[in-house]
C-alpha atoms as a PDB file:
ATOM      1  CA  MET A   1     119.712 -17.029   8.005  1.00  0.00           C
ATOM      2  CA  ALA A   2     122.012 -13.982   7.808  1.00  0.00           C
ATOM      3  CA  SER A   3     125.547 -13.818   6.488  1.00  0.00           C
ATOM      4  CA  ILE A   4     128.059 -10.973   6.269  1.00  0.00           C
ATOM      5  CA  GLN A   5     130.089 -10.769   3.059  1.00  0.00           C
ATOM      6  CA  LYS A   6     133.318  -8.791   2.770  1.00  0.00           C
ATOM      7  CA  ILE A   7     133.594  -6.932  -0.543  1.00  0.00           C
ATOM      8  CA  ILE A   8     136.891  -5.448  -1.747  1.00  0.00           C
ATOM      9  CA  ASN A   9     137.008  -3.241  -4.829  1.00  0.00           C
ATOM     10  CA  LYS A  10     138.744  -0.095  -6.111  1.00  0.00           C
ATOM     11  CA  LYS A  11     136.655   2.115  -3.831  1.00  0.00           C
ATOM     12  CA  GLY A  12     137.724   0.211  -0.732  1.00  0.00           C
ATOM     13  CA  THR A  13     136.239  -2.425   1.553  1.00  0.00           C
ATOM     14  CA  THR A  14     132.533  -2.740   2.336  1.00  0.00           C
ATOM     15  CA  TYR A  15     130.385  -5.354   4.076  1.00  0.00           C
ATOM     16  CA  ARG A  16     127.144  -6.762   2.729  1.00  0.00           C
ATOM     17  CA  ALA A  17     124.466  -8.169   5.003  1.00  0.00           C
ATOM     18  CA  LEU A  18     122.622 -10.957   3.194  1.00  0.00           C
ATOM     19  CA  ILE A  19     119.471 -12.393   4.762  1.00  0.00           C
ATOM     20  CA  ARG A  20     117.468 -15.303   3.389  1.00  0.00           C
ATOM     21  CA  LYS A  21     114.025 -16.063   4.753  1.00  0.00           C
ATOM     22  CA  LYS A  22     111.557 -18.646   3.499  1.00  0.00           C
ATOM     23  CA  GLY A  23     108.728 -17.006   1.580  1.00  0.00           C
ATOM     24  CA  LEU A  24     110.619 -13.723   1.087  1.00  0.00           C
ATOM     25  CA  ASN A  25     113.020 -12.391  -1.502  1.00  0.00           C
ATOM     26  CA  PRO A  26     116.658 -12.274  -0.345  1.00  0.00           C
ATOM     27  CA  ILE A  27     117.415  -9.091   1.611  1.00  0.00           C
ATOM     28  CA  SER A  28     120.786  -7.414   1.134  1.00  0.00           C
ATOM     29  CA  LYS A  29     122.288  -4.093   2.118  1.00  0.00           C
ATOM     30  CA  THR A  30     125.864  -2.825   2.015  1.00  0.00           C
ATOM     31  CA  PHE A  31     127.633  -0.939   4.835  1.00  0.00           C
ATOM     32  CA  PRO A  32     131.055   0.678   5.317  1.00  0.00           C
ATOM     33  CA  THR A  33     131.764  -1.385   8.457  1.00  0.00           C
ATOM     34  CA  LYS A  34     131.154  -4.955   9.534  1.00  0.00           C
ATOM     35  CA  LYS A  35     129.594  -3.750  12.793  1.00  0.00           C
ATOM     36  CA  LEU A  36     126.872  -1.823  10.949  1.00  0.00           C
ATOM     37  CA  ALA A  37     126.160  -4.788   8.687  1.00  0.00           C
ATOM     38  CA  LYS A  38     125.770  -7.099  11.691  1.00  0.00           C
ATOM     39  CA  GLN A  39     123.492  -4.631  13.462  1.00  0.00           C
ATOM     40  CA  PHE A  40     121.286  -4.333  10.375  1.00  0.00           C
ATOM     41  CA  ALA A  41     121.034  -8.128  10.064  1.00  0.00           C
ATOM     42  CA  LEU A  42     120.136  -8.419  13.753  1.00  0.00           C
ATOM     43  CA  ASN A  43     117.410  -5.777  13.500  1.00  0.00           C
ATOM     44  CA  VAL A  44     115.863  -7.317  10.394  1.00  0.00           C
ATOM     45  CA  GLU A  45     115.894 -10.882  11.719  1.00  0.00           C
ATOM     46  CA  SER A  46     114.204  -9.813  14.959  1.00  0.00           C
ATOM     47  CA  ASP A  47     111.387  -7.843  13.326  1.00  0.00           C
ATOM     48  CA  ARG A  48     108.921  -9.540  10.968  1.00  0.00           C
ATOM     49  CA  LYS A  49     107.517  -6.186   9.857  1.00  0.00           C
ATOM     50  CA  THR A  50     110.962  -5.000   8.796  1.00  0.00           C
ATOM     51  CA  GLN A  51     111.562  -8.290   7.004  1.00  0.00           C
ATOM     52  CA  LEU A  52     108.409  -7.796   4.970  1.00  0.00           C
ATOM     53  CA  ALA A  53     109.468  -4.249   4.133  1.00  0.00           C
ATOM     54  CA  PHE A  54     113.013  -5.072   3.018  1.00  0.00           C
ATOM     55  CA  GLY A  55     111.945  -8.296   1.343  1.00  0.00           C
ATOM     56  CA  GLY A  56     108.946  -6.729  -0.395  1.00  0.00           C
ATOM     57  CA  LEU A  57     108.213  -4.068  -2.980  1.00  0.00           C
ATOM     58  CA  SER A  58     109.276  -1.129  -0.811  1.00  0.00           C
ATOM     59  CA  ASN A  59     112.833  -2.452  -1.075  1.00  0.00           C
ATOM     60  CA  THR A  60     112.767  -2.340  -4.882  1.00  0.00           C
ATOM     61  CA  ILE A  61     110.558   0.705  -5.592  1.00  0.00           C
ATOM     62  CA  THR A  62     112.116   4.170  -5.632  1.00  0.00           C
ATOM     63  CA  PHE A  63     110.393   7.298  -4.388  1.00  0.00           C
ATOM     64  CA  LYS A  64     110.194   8.547  -7.981  1.00  0.00           C
ATOM     65  CA  GLN A  65     108.386   5.389  -9.110  1.00  0.00           C
ATOM     66  CA  ALA A  66     105.951   5.559  -6.189  1.00  0.00           C
ATOM     67  CA  LEU A  67     105.307   9.253  -6.855  1.00  0.00           C
ATOM     68  CA  GLU A  68     104.545   8.690 -10.535  1.00  0.00           C
ATOM     69  CA  GLU A  69     102.219   5.773  -9.785  1.00  0.00           C
ATOM     70  CA  TYR A  70     100.464   7.819  -7.103  1.00  0.00           C
ATOM     71  CA  LEU A  71      99.891  10.707  -9.525  1.00  0.00           C
ATOM     72  CA  CYS A  72      98.596   8.337 -12.224  1.00  0.00           C
ATOM     73  CA  SER A  73      96.133   6.821  -9.764  1.00  0.00           C
ATOM     74  CA  ARG A  74      95.004  10.259  -8.657  1.00  0.00           C
ATOM     75  CA  TYR A  75      94.845  12.374 -11.811  1.00  0.00           C
ATOM     76  CA  LYS A  76      93.534  11.621 -15.281  1.00  0.00           C
ATOM     77  CA  ASP A  77      96.202  13.811 -16.854  1.00  0.00           C
ATOM     78  CA  SER A  78      99.478  11.852 -16.793  1.00  0.00           C
ATOM     79  CA  GLN A  79     101.333  15.132 -17.368  1.00  0.00           C
ATOM     80  CA  TYR A  80     100.154  16.595 -14.051  1.00  0.00           C
ATOM     81  CA  ARG A  81     102.957  18.606 -12.467  1.00  0.00           C
ATOM     82  CA  ASP A  82     103.425  20.017  -9.004  1.00  0.00           C
ATOM     83  CA  TYR A  83     106.538  22.006  -8.117  1.00  0.00           C
ATOM     84  CA  ARG A  84     106.544  20.594  -4.588  1.00  0.00           C
ATOM     85  CA  MET A  85     106.473  17.033  -5.896  1.00  0.00           C
ATOM     86  CA  ASP A  86     109.223  17.952  -8.370  1.00  0.00           C
ATOM     87  CA  TYR A  87     111.357  19.180  -5.481  1.00  0.00           C
ATOM     88  CA  TRP A  88     111.150  15.853  -3.652  1.00  0.00           C
ATOM     89  CA  LYS A  89     111.606  13.873  -6.850  1.00  0.00           C
ATOM     90  CA  LYS A  90     114.889  15.678  -7.493  1.00  0.00           C
ATOM     91  CA  LEU A  91     116.022  15.367  -3.867  1.00  0.00           C
ATOM     92  CA  ILE A  92     115.150  11.752  -2.995  1.00  0.00           C
ATOM     93  CA  GLY A  93     113.678  10.378  -6.216  1.00  0.00           C
ATOM     94  CA  ASN A  94     116.348   7.729  -6.758  1.00  0.00           C
ATOM     95  CA  LYS A  95     116.306   6.369  -3.191  1.00  0.00           C
ATOM     96  CA  TYR A  96     114.418   3.197  -2.402  1.00  0.00           C
ATOM     97  CA  LEU A  97     111.312   3.817  -0.288  1.00  0.00           C
ATOM     98  CA  VAL A  98     112.526   1.649   2.565  1.00  0.00           C
ATOM     99  CA  ASP A  99     115.817   3.563   2.760  1.00  0.00           C
ATOM    100  CA  ILE A 100     114.267   7.008   3.175  1.00  0.00           C
ATOM    101  CA  THR A 101     114.333   8.216   6.775  1.00  0.00           C
ATOM    102  CA  LYS A 102     112.781  10.981   8.820  1.00  0.00           C
ATOM    103  CA  ASN A 103     116.130  12.806   8.672  1.00  0.00           C
ATOM    104  CA  ASP A 104     116.030  12.802   4.857  1.00  0.00           C
ATOM    105  CA  ILE A 105     112.710  14.651   4.920  1.00  0.00           C
ATOM    106  CA  THR A 106     113.745  16.981   7.752  1.00  0.00           C
ATOM    107  CA  ASN A 107     116.937  17.926   5.916  1.00  0.00           C
ATOM    108  CA  GLY A 108     114.942  18.477   2.737  1.00  0.00           C
ATOM    109  CA  LEU A 109     112.608  20.859   4.530  1.00  0.00           C
ATOM    110  CA  LYS A 110     115.554  22.730   6.048  1.00  0.00           C
ATOM    111  CA  ALA A 111     117.103  23.118   2.587  1.00  0.00           C
ATOM    112  CA  LEU A 112     114.084  25.029   1.274  1.00  0.00           C
ATOM    113  CA  PRO A 113     114.547  28.787   0.650  1.00  0.00           C
ATOM    114  CA  LYS A 114     114.548  30.776   3.900  1.00  0.00           C
ATOM    115  CA  ASN A 115     111.962  33.263   2.614  1.00  0.00           C
ATOM    116  CA  LEU A 116     109.192  30.641   2.435  1.00  0.00           C
ATOM    117  CA  SER A 117     106.344  30.937   4.915  1.00  0.00           C
ATOM    118  CA  ASN A 118     105.556  28.241   7.465  1.00  0.00           C
ATOM    119  CA  SER A 119     102.379  27.483   5.557  1.00  0.00           C
ATOM    120  CA  THR A 120     104.308  26.841   2.336  1.00  0.00           C
ATOM    121  CA  ILE A 121     106.862  24.631   4.097  1.00  0.00           C
ATOM    122  CA  ASN A 122     104.032  22.614   5.626  1.00  0.00           C
ATOM    123  CA  LYS A 123     102.641  22.089   2.130  1.00  0.00           C
ATOM    124  CA  TYR A 124     106.000  20.699   1.001  1.00  0.00           C
ATOM    125  CA  LYS A 125     105.861  18.291   3.937  1.00  0.00           C
ATOM    126  CA  ALA A 126     102.313  17.260   3.100  1.00  0.00           C
ATOM    127  CA  ALA A 127     103.231  16.703  -0.553  1.00  0.00           C
ATOM    128  CA  THR A 128     105.763  14.012   0.289  1.00  0.00           C
ATOM    129  CA  SER A 129     103.645  12.539   3.080  1.00  0.00           C
ATOM    130  CA  VAL A 130     100.828  11.545   0.729  1.00  0.00           C
ATOM    131  CA  VAL A 131     103.293   9.570  -1.403  1.00  0.00           C
ATOM    132  CA  PHE A 132     104.574   7.635   1.612  1.00  0.00           C
ATOM    133  CA  SER A 133     101.006   6.976   2.769  1.00  0.00           C
ATOM    134  CA  TYR A 134     100.292   5.588  -0.696  1.00  0.00           C
ATOM    135  CA  ALA A 135     103.423   3.428  -0.442  1.00  0.00           C
ATOM    136  CA  CYS A 136     102.285   2.074   2.932  1.00  0.00           C
ATOM    137  CA  ARG A 137      99.043   0.921   1.319  1.00  0.00           C
ATOM    138  CA  GLU A 138     100.428  -0.369  -1.966  1.00  0.00           C
ATOM    139  CA  TYR A 139     103.997  -1.524  -1.260  1.00  0.00           C
ATOM    140  CA  ASP A 140     103.880  -2.621   2.395  1.00  0.00           C
ATOM    141  CA  LEU A 141     106.132   0.213   3.520  1.00  0.00           C
ATOM    142  CA  PRO A 142     106.128  -0.252   7.322  1.00  0.00           C
ATOM    143  CA  ASP A 143     105.971   3.428   8.306  1.00  0.00           C
ATOM    144  CA  ASN A 144     105.489   6.890   6.866  1.00  0.00           C
ATOM    145  CA  PRO A 145     108.723   8.750   7.799  1.00  0.00           C
ATOM    146  CA  VAL A 146     106.909  12.091   7.624  1.00  0.00           C
ATOM    147  CA  ARG A 147     104.276  11.199  10.208  1.00  0.00           C
ATOM    148  CA  ASN A 148     106.343  12.184  13.239  1.00  0.00           C
ATOM    149  CA  ILE A 149     107.623  15.469  11.802  1.00  0.00           C
ATOM    150  CA  LEU A 150     105.726  18.322  13.447  1.00  0.00           C
ATOM    151  CA  SER A 151     104.152  20.958  11.214  1.00  0.00           C
ATOM    152  CA  LEU A 152     105.306  24.525  11.686  1.00  0.00           C
ATOM    153  CA  PRO A 153     102.873  26.955  13.360  1.00  0.00           C
ATOM    154  CA  GLU A 154     100.758  28.945  10.924  1.00  0.00           C
ATOM    155  CA  PRO A 155      98.975  32.244  11.512  1.00  0.00           C
ATOM    156  CA  ARG A 156      95.203  32.059  11.375  1.00  0.00           C
ATOM    157  CA  GLY A 157      94.130  33.000   7.871  1.00  0.00           C
ATOM    158  CA  ILE A 158      91.621  35.715   7.098  1.00  0.00           C
ATOM    159  CA  VAL A 159      88.424  34.435   5.490  1.00  0.00           C
ATOM    160  CA  ARG A 160      87.683  36.701   2.524  1.00  0.00           C
ATOM    161  CA  PHE A 161      84.194  36.423   1.087  1.00  0.00           C
ATOM    162  CA  LEU A 162      81.972  38.558  -1.091  1.00  0.00           C
ATOM    163  CA  SER A 163      79.501  41.009   0.367  1.00  0.00           C
ATOM    164  CA  ASP A 164      76.072  41.086  -1.282  1.00  0.00           C
ATOM    165  CA  ASP A 165      76.987  44.242  -3.177  1.00  0.00           C
ATOM    166  CA  GLU A 166      80.317  42.794  -4.339  1.00  0.00           C
ATOM    167  CA  ARG A 167      78.602  39.609  -5.505  1.00  0.00           C
ATOM    168  CA  THR A 168      76.107  41.604  -7.574  1.00  0.00           C
ATOM    169  CA  ARG A 169      78.871  43.634  -9.226  1.00  0.00           C
ATOM    170  CA  LEU A 170      80.990  40.534  -9.893  1.00  0.00           C
ATOM    171  CA  PHE A 171      78.097  38.678 -11.518  1.00  0.00           C
ATOM    172  CA  GLU A 172      77.409  41.662 -13.787  1.00  0.00           C
ATOM    173  CA  ALA A 173      81.067  41.803 -14.835  1.00  0.00           C
ATOM    174  CA  CYS A 174      81.188  38.040 -15.453  1.00  0.00           C
ATOM    175  CA  ARG A 175      78.073  38.177 -17.637  1.00  0.00           C
ATOM    176  CA  ALA A 176      79.730  40.912 -19.720  1.00  0.00           C
ATOM    177  CA  SER A 177      82.999  38.938 -20.098  1.00  0.00           C
ATOM    178  CA  GLN A 178      84.255  37.995 -23.563  1.00  0.00           C
ATOM    179  CA  TRP A 179      84.555  34.431 -22.266  1.00  0.00           C
ATOM    180  CA  SER A 180      80.956  33.295 -22.332  1.00  0.00           C
ATOM    181  CA  LYS A 181      81.318  30.749 -19.512  1.00  0.00           C
ATOM    182  CA  LEU A 182      82.852  32.967 -16.823  1.00  0.00           C
ATOM    183  CA  TYR A 183      79.487  33.662 -15.193  1.00  0.00           C
ATOM    184  CA  LEU A 184      78.632  29.937 -15.187  1.00  0.00           C
ATOM    185  CA  LEU A 185      81.970  28.995 -13.604  1.00  0.00           C
ATOM    186  CA  THR A 186      81.716  31.752 -10.970  1.00  0.00           C
ATOM    187  CA  LEU A 187      78.132  30.845 -10.128  1.00  0.00           C
ATOM    188  CA  LEU A 188      79.068  27.162  -9.907  1.00  0.00           C
ATOM    189  CA  ALA A 189      81.966  27.948  -7.556  1.00  0.00           C
ATOM    190  CA  ILE A 190      79.852  30.041  -5.186  1.00  0.00           C
ATOM    191  CA  THR A 191      76.865  27.702  -5.066  1.00  0.00           C
ATOM    192  CA  THR A 192      78.800  24.410  -4.709  1.00  0.00           C
ATOM    193  CA  GLY A 193      81.989  25.423  -2.879  1.00  0.00           C
ATOM    194  CA  GLY A 194      83.935  23.322  -5.374  1.00  0.00           C
ATOM    195  CA  ARG A 195      87.652  23.790  -5.846  1.00  0.00           C
ATOM    196  CA  LYS A 196      88.960  25.339  -9.050  1.00  0.00           C
ATOM    197  CA  GLY A 197      90.595  22.091 -10.205  1.00  0.00           C
ATOM    198  CA  GLU A 198      87.432  20.098  -9.539  1.00  0.00           C
ATOM    199  CA  LEU A 199      85.239  22.503 -11.507  1.00  0.00           C
ATOM    200  CA  ILE A 200      87.383  23.065 -14.590  1.00  0.00           C
ATOM    201  CA  GLY A 201      87.907  19.311 -14.857  1.00  0.00           C
ATOM    202  CA  LEU A 202      84.172  18.583 -15.119  1.00  0.00           C
ATOM    203  CA  GLU A 203      82.968  16.782 -18.233  1.00  0.00           C
ATOM    204  CA  TRP A 204      79.448  16.812 -19.639  1.00  0.00           C
ATOM    205  CA  SER A 205      79.150  13.137 -18.730  1.00  0.00           C
ATOM    206  CA  ASP A 206      79.606  14.184 -15.071  1.00  0.00           C
ATOM    207  CA  ILE A 207      76.392  16.253 -15.126  1.00  0.00           C
ATOM    208  CA  ASN A 208      73.023  14.696 -14.308  1.00  0.00           C
ATOM    209  CA  PHE A 209      70.452  17.241 -15.466  1.00  0.00           C
ATOM    210  CA  ASP A 210      67.465  15.237 -14.202  1.00  0.00           C
ATOM    211  CA  ARG A 211      68.779  14.921 -10.643  1.00  0.00           C
ATOM    212  CA  LYS A 212      70.599  18.299 -10.778  1.00  0.00           C
ATOM    213  CA  LEU A 213      73.939  16.834  -9.685  1.00  0.00           C
ATOM    214  CA  ALA A 214      77.576  17.057 -10.752  1.00  0.00           C
ATOM    215  CA  TYR A 215      79.929  14.162 -10.032  1.00  0.00           C
ATOM    216  CA  ILE A 216      83.565  14.875  -9.146  1.00  0.00           C
ATOM    217  CA  LYS A 217      85.534  11.688  -9.848  1.00  0.00           C
ATOM    218  CA  THR A 218      88.509  12.539  -7.639  1.00  0.00           C
ATOM    219  CA  THR A 219      88.906  15.407  -5.175  1.00  0.00           C
ATOM    220  CA  LYS A 220      91.986  16.825  -3.471  1.00  0.00           C
ATOM    221  CA  ASN A 221      91.379  14.274  -0.703  1.00  0.00           C
ATOM    222  CA  GLY A 222      91.456  11.440  -3.208  1.00  0.00           C
ATOM    223  CA  GLU A 223      87.752  10.666  -2.906  1.00  0.00           C
ATOM    224  CA  PRO A 224      84.751  11.214  -5.225  1.00  0.00           C
ATOM    225  CA  LYS A 225      82.222  13.938  -4.424  1.00  0.00           C
ATOM    226  CA  VAL A 226      78.722  14.893  -5.537  1.00  0.00           C
ATOM    227  CA  LEU A 227      77.803  18.567  -6.035  1.00  0.00           C
ATOM    228  CA  PRO A 228      74.099  19.535  -5.845  1.00  0.00           C
ATOM    229  CA  LEU A 229      73.285  22.103  -8.543  1.00  0.00           C
ATOM    230  CA  THR A 230      70.875  25.005  -8.180  1.00  0.00           C
ATOM    231  CA  ASP A 231      68.146  25.700 -10.735  1.00  0.00           C
ATOM    232  CA  GLU A 232      70.078  28.742 -11.975  1.00  0.00           C
ATOM    233  CA  VAL A 233      73.211  26.659 -12.542  1.00  0.00           C
ATOM    234  CA  ILE A 234      71.152  24.087 -14.498  1.00  0.00           C
ATOM    235  CA  THR A 235      69.699  26.917 -16.609  1.00  0.00           C
ATOM    236  CA  GLU A 236      73.176  28.274 -17.387  1.00  0.00           C
ATOM    237  CA  LEU A 237      74.531  24.789 -18.151  1.00  0.00           C
ATOM    238  CA  SER A 238      71.676  24.187 -20.582  1.00  0.00           C
ATOM    239  CA  LYS A 239      72.869  27.108 -22.719  1.00  0.00           C
ATOM    240  CA  PHE A 240      76.050  25.158 -23.570  1.00  0.00           C
ATOM    241  CA  LYS A 241      74.627  21.629 -23.445  1.00  0.00           C
ATOM    242  CA  GLU A 242      74.948  20.987 -27.187  1.00  0.00           C
ATOM    243  CA  GLN A 243      78.649  21.810 -27.453  1.00  0.00           C
ATOM    244  CA  LYS A 244      80.902  19.015 -28.756  1.00  0.00           C
ATOM    245  CA  PRO A 245      83.975  19.073 -26.426  1.00  0.00           C
ATOM    246  CA  MET A 246      83.789  16.722 -23.424  1.00  0.00           C
ATOM    247  CA  LEU A 247      84.895  19.388 -20.945  1.00  0.00           C
ATOM    248  CA  LEU A 248      82.432  21.970 -19.671  1.00  0.00           C
ATOM    249  CA  PHE A 249      85.096  24.654 -19.564  1.00  0.00           C
ATOM    250  CA  ASN A 250      87.227  23.602 -22.531  1.00  0.00           C
ATOM    251  CA  SER A 251      89.999  25.554 -24.152  1.00  0.00           C
ATOM    252  CA  GLU A 252      88.992  27.031 -27.489  1.00  0.00           C
ATOM    253  CA  ILE A 253      92.347  26.033 -28.977  1.00  0.00           C
ATOM    254  CA  VAL A 254      92.971  22.592 -27.415  1.00  0.00           C
ATOM    255  CA  THR A 255      89.468  21.354 -26.674  1.00  0.00           C
ATOM    256  CA  ASP A 256      90.516  18.485 -24.390  1.00  0.00           C
ATOM    257  CA  LYS A 257      92.245  20.939 -22.027  1.00  0.00           C
ATOM    258  CA  PRO A 258      90.584  23.406 -19.619  1.00  0.00           C
ATOM    259  CA  PHE A 259      90.318  27.036 -20.658  1.00  0.00           C
ATOM    260  CA  CYS A 260      92.824  29.373 -18.976  1.00  0.00           C
ATOM    261  CA  PHE A 261      90.471  32.026 -17.634  1.00  0.00           C
ATOM    262  CA  THR A 262      92.969  34.015 -15.531  1.00  0.00           C
ATOM    263  CA  LYS A 263      92.880  37.074 -17.809  1.00  0.00           C
ATOM    264  CA  ALA A 264      89.069  37.108 -17.998  1.00  0.00           C
ATOM    265  CA  TRP A 265      88.800  36.660 -14.215  1.00  0.00           C
ATOM    266  CA  LYS A 266      91.168  39.524 -13.402  1.00  0.00           C
ATOM    267  CA  LYS A 267      89.372  41.797 -15.843  1.00  0.00           C
ATOM    268  CA  ALA A 268      86.014  40.995 -14.230  1.00  0.00           C
ATOM    269  CA  LEU A 269      87.398  41.791 -10.765  1.00  0.00           C
ATOM    270  CA  THR A 270      88.727  45.108 -12.027  1.00  0.00           C
ATOM    271  CA  GLN A 271      85.428  46.033 -13.655  1.00  0.00           C
ATOM    272  CA  ALA A 272      83.543  45.056 -10.488  1.00  0.00           C
ATOM    273  CA  GLU A 273      85.986  47.115  -8.380  1.00  0.00           C
ATOM    274  CA  ILE A 274      86.773  44.137  -6.140  1.00  0.00           C
ATOM    275  CA  THR A 275      90.215  43.981  -4.545  1.00  0.00           C
ATOM    276  CA  ASN A 276      92.142  41.422  -2.512  1.00  0.00           C
ATOM    277  CA  PHE A 277      90.066  38.533  -3.858  1.00  0.00           C
ATOM    278  CA  ARG A 278      91.122  35.227  -5.424  1.00  0.00           C
ATOM    279  CA  PHE A 279      89.079  32.657  -7.309  1.00  0.00           C
ATOM    280  CA  HIS A 280      89.578  30.286  -4.349  1.00  0.00           C
ATOM    281  CA  ASP A 281      87.783  32.855  -2.178  1.00  0.00           C
ATOM    282  CA  LEU A 282      84.557  31.884  -3.963  1.00  0.00           C
ATOM    283  CA  ARG A 283      84.834  28.641  -1.988  1.00  0.00           C
ATOM    284  CA  HIS A 284      85.145  30.699   1.209  1.00  0.00           C
ATOM    285  CA  THR A 285      82.168  32.736   0.049  1.00  0.00           C
ATOM    286  CA  CYS A 286      80.042  29.587  -0.255  1.00  0.00           C
ATOM    287  CA  ALA A 287      81.029  28.427   3.243  1.00  0.00           C
ATOM    288  CA  SER A 288      80.493  31.878   4.740  1.00  0.00           C
ATOM    289  CA  TYR A 289      77.006  32.206   3.235  1.00  0.00           C
ATOM    290  CA  LEU A 290      76.098  28.768   4.602  1.00  0.00           C
ATOM    291  CA  ALA A 291      77.418  29.687   8.070  1.00  0.00           C
ATOM    292  CA  GLN A 292      75.516  32.968   8.120  1.00  0.00           C
ATOM    293  CA  SER A 293      72.341  31.133   7.108  1.00  0.00           C
ATOM    294  CA  GLY A 294      72.519  28.798  10.102  1.00  0.00           C
ATOM    295  CA  ALA A 295      74.374  25.784   8.705  1.00  0.00           C
ATOM    296  CA  SER A 296      76.408  23.864  11.283  1.00  0.00           C
ATOM    297  CA  LEU A 297      80.145  23.289  10.932  1.00  0.00           C
ATOM    298  CA  LEU A 298      79.501  19.618  10.134  1.00  0.00           C
ATOM    299  CA  GLU A 299      77.114  20.606   7.343  1.00  0.00           C
ATOM    300  CA  ILE A 300      79.638  23.084   5.938  1.00  0.00           C
ATOM    301  CA  ALA A 301      82.398  20.460   6.123  1.00  0.00           C
ATOM    302  CA  ASP A 302      80.182  18.055   4.195  1.00  0.00           C
ATOM    303  CA  VAL A 303      79.545  20.608   1.430  1.00  0.00           C
ATOM    304  CA  LEU A 304      83.216  21.582   1.119  1.00  0.00           C
ATOM    305  CA  GLY A 305      84.487  18.021   1.401  1.00  0.00           C
ATOM    306  CA  HIS A 306      86.676  18.634   4.442  1.00  0.00           C
ATOM    307  CA  LYS A 307      87.948  15.445   6.042  1.00  0.00           C
ATOM    308  CA  GLN A 308      88.863  17.230   9.267  1.00  0.00           C
ATOM    309  CA  ILE A 309      86.520  19.614  11.070  1.00  0.00           C
ATOM    310  CA  GLN A 310      89.571  21.700  12.027  1.00  0.00           C
ATOM    311  CA  MET A 311      89.604  23.053   8.462  1.00  0.00           C
ATOM    312  CA  THR A 312      86.002  24.202   8.836  1.00  0.00           C
ATOM    313  CA  LYS A 313      86.448  25.966  12.176  1.00  0.00           C
ATOM    314  CA  ARG A 314      87.617  29.113  10.405  1.00  0.00           C
ATOM    315  CA  TYR A 315      83.918  29.781   9.717  1.00  0.00           C
ATOM    316  CA  ALA A 316      82.826  29.190  13.328  1.00  0.00           C
ATOM    317  CA  HIS A 317      82.558  32.899  14.130  1.00  0.00           C
ATOM    318  CA  LEU A 318      79.947  33.263  11.360  1.00  0.00           C
ATOM    319  CA  CYS A 319      77.629  30.592  12.811  1.00  0.00           C
ATOM    320  CA  ILE A 320      76.189  33.032  15.358  1.00  0.00           C
ATOM    321  CA  ASP A 321      72.519  32.637  14.366  1.00  0.00           C
ATOM    322  CA  HIS A 322      72.716  28.860  14.499  1.00  0.00           C
ATOM    323  CA  LYS A 323      74.360  28.951  17.937  1.00  0.00           C
ATOM    324  CA  GLN A 324      71.777  31.406  19.214  1.00  0.00           C
ATOM    325  CA  LYS A 325      68.848  29.227  18.090  1.00  0.00           C
ATOM    326  CA  LEU A 326      70.491  26.145  19.596  1.00  0.00           C
ATOM    327  CA  ILE A 327      71.057  27.823  22.965  1.00  0.00           C
ATOM    328  CA  ASN A 328      67.501  29.197  23.092  1.00  0.00           C
ATOM    329  CA  LYS A 329      66.049  25.811  22.139  1.00  0.00           C
ATOM    330  CA  VAL A 330      67.964  23.856  24.772  1.00  0.00           C
ATOM    331  CA  MET A 331      68.396  26.414  27.547  1.00  0.00           C
ATOM    332  CA  GLY A 332      65.418  28.723  27.028  1.00  0.00           C
ATOM    333  CA  ASP A 333      63.210  27.177  29.730  1.00  0.00           C
ATOM    334  CA  MET A 334      65.855  26.775  32.434  1.00  0.00           C
ATOM    335  CA  SER A 335      64.120  29.188  34.840  1.00  0.00           C
ATOM    336  CA  VAL A 336      60.755  27.400  34.675  1.00  0.00           C
END
């Protein structure tokens, strides 16, 4: 049963829609006009899904609370920070989940600096979308307001990977690095296609030397992943097996934190005379080597942990040998 209450205070007159339903918490919302309050009450009473939303957790949980719980469920480090998440927390953090609309997100995207690329803006959109998806699962939020916002067009990225000669020079430079684990980390990145965050977060308890596997507890996609390890990686790992810190790539100052290897990495690139190359490009290098060796896009997607094959299609032009063998196998005897 819905009722409209007139509220008069120093700020003026407002109207509160109060709805009571058996089995649900009371639902209330205040409006500047009686007409809006009545319309809200009518919409809620006619839609069970909306009733559950406004009478459930999504009516009492703010975006900031949902964001923090999402990050805690996703990352071991409770101090994890992301500047895109911080942006949304500041903009809509105090609003209740159920009150946040598509327009709130659209306006937030429009308020971003004009010099940002379409790709960066799309990442801001994706950052808030994952929180709303989490809220839909955990707090019965009826809809993700970001879902119907179209992504901006992005130019096709250039896949940068190491040539054989570049790889040889980089390995030599990494072996000569003052940080003794740079070669191991670089080799691990190329041979597994793992992301930087996944690799530097590895603990010794995640390594199975007998089965030659590394276990990633949580990936960027929110799912666990298993990395097969080559014999050379196992050999390199064995050199540091007796160290005390839990992390494979621990900081020498704060042993429960990953080592910041940026300086050592840049120095190795300079010594190897490699330009226009990022650590993330080692992941591209892994995928490119697989493609050139005949691996299918589905196989590459499985190694990289891509949920959508669209992400893997950037390597399609390198799968020439595999396509050629497939065509010859299926179509080779057509004239017989």
